[in-house]
Amino acid sequence: MTVKLQYIIHRTQNSRALRILLHITFWIIVGSFYFIIFNSNSEIRAVSYILTIGLLPIAFLEAYFFNYILIPKYLGQNRYSKFFLFSFYTVLTSTWMSFLIVMFALIFILNRDASLDPAVLHPELQVISLNFIVFFAISIKQVKRIFYMQQEKNELEKNTLTTELKLKEAELKLLKAQVHPHFLFNTLNNLYGLTLEKSNEAPKLVLQLSEILDYILYRCDEKLVSLDEELANLKNYIEIEKIRYSGKLKLTADFPKETGNLKIAPLILLPFLENAFKHGVSHFPGVAFVNLKISIVETNLFFKIENSKNPATNKEAEHNKGVGLKNVRKRLDLIYPGKYMLNIDEKEELFSVNLTLQLEE
């Protein structure tokens, strides 16, 4: 369907006066068509008028009966048997009425000129012309109906997508709002522990914390941030944890040297790192370990982190109870649908996370 035709249909939908005008114009064209057809096959102009004037109301009534009663009330509601039955009687009745018009024209001819051959009336032409116009009118109406239905469907889908998008954006904002206080709560706990121990590392931790807060408060409002900034934030967090657990932590961290122009959702990796320290180091009775490896292959980021796990812990893993890990799963579903793979593996003495992300440039 062309854009021009769509525009015309849309205008007729919104203007009752225009619809009426188009209907009148259509039937004037139909009347002219009938007259031209019958006049070209008859020697008597008066007969052409009789056939045209007689046939036009029949075509009019049959077309509107199909379009506004039979199709919407029976065919549109899957009542096929009644539709075909009533359609048969409607066509039969209109055909019978068209033959009455032929008989009237025949009487007129015989009264005027008895020597004229009645075959010039061409009754078969009248039936064909009647049904052609009726089915043509039905076709126009059904094209309009299909267009309106498709338009309503598209509008409904558009509204549904808009609503879903707004819901996702609202949920995403809520999840990000939960990440900030969750992270801040853990870090302040670390700082509180150092101040109790009167550690000389406390000032350094405050400096690292200020850089992290600057990142969270002023650079995380965008949907995507530079991967360099996100990794720098992870490094600052690791420095904070190294200060706190310096006596009971064995840490390895491998970061990519080049990240190109890749971008990533802010704070999407931090919860995994937080959980590794909170549940794998703080609850471990001896020297714990955390192994982190991040690599880049083209636009794919590979994140792997392993941490020690207390084998004496028999209850459900606390990793799965943390607010951070629950949030990051939801954020991955919202921001990277179909563009990530997350595998969490829990063993007796080891907890590991493998995440693959398809990033944007």
Foldseek 3Di string as FASTA:
>chain_A
DDPVVLVVLVVCVVDVVVVVVVVVVLLVVLLVVQLVVLVVLDPDSVLSVLLSVQLSVLLVVLLCCVLPPLCVPQVVVPNPVVSVVVNVVSLVVSLVSSVVSLVVSVVVCCVVPVVDDSCSRVSVVSSVSSVVSSVVSNVVSVVSVVSVVVVVVVVVVVVVVVVVVVVLVVVLVVLLVVVVVVVVVVLVVLLVVCVVVVHPCNVVSVVLVVLLCCCSVPPQPDQKDFPVSQVVNVVSVVVSLCVSPVPQEDEAEADDPDDDRWIDRHPLPVLVVVCQCVAQGPPAPGRKYKYWHWDDDPQKIKTKIKIWHHLVDPDDRCSVVDSSVVSSVSVCCSSPPVFKDWDWDDDSTMTMIIMMGRTDD
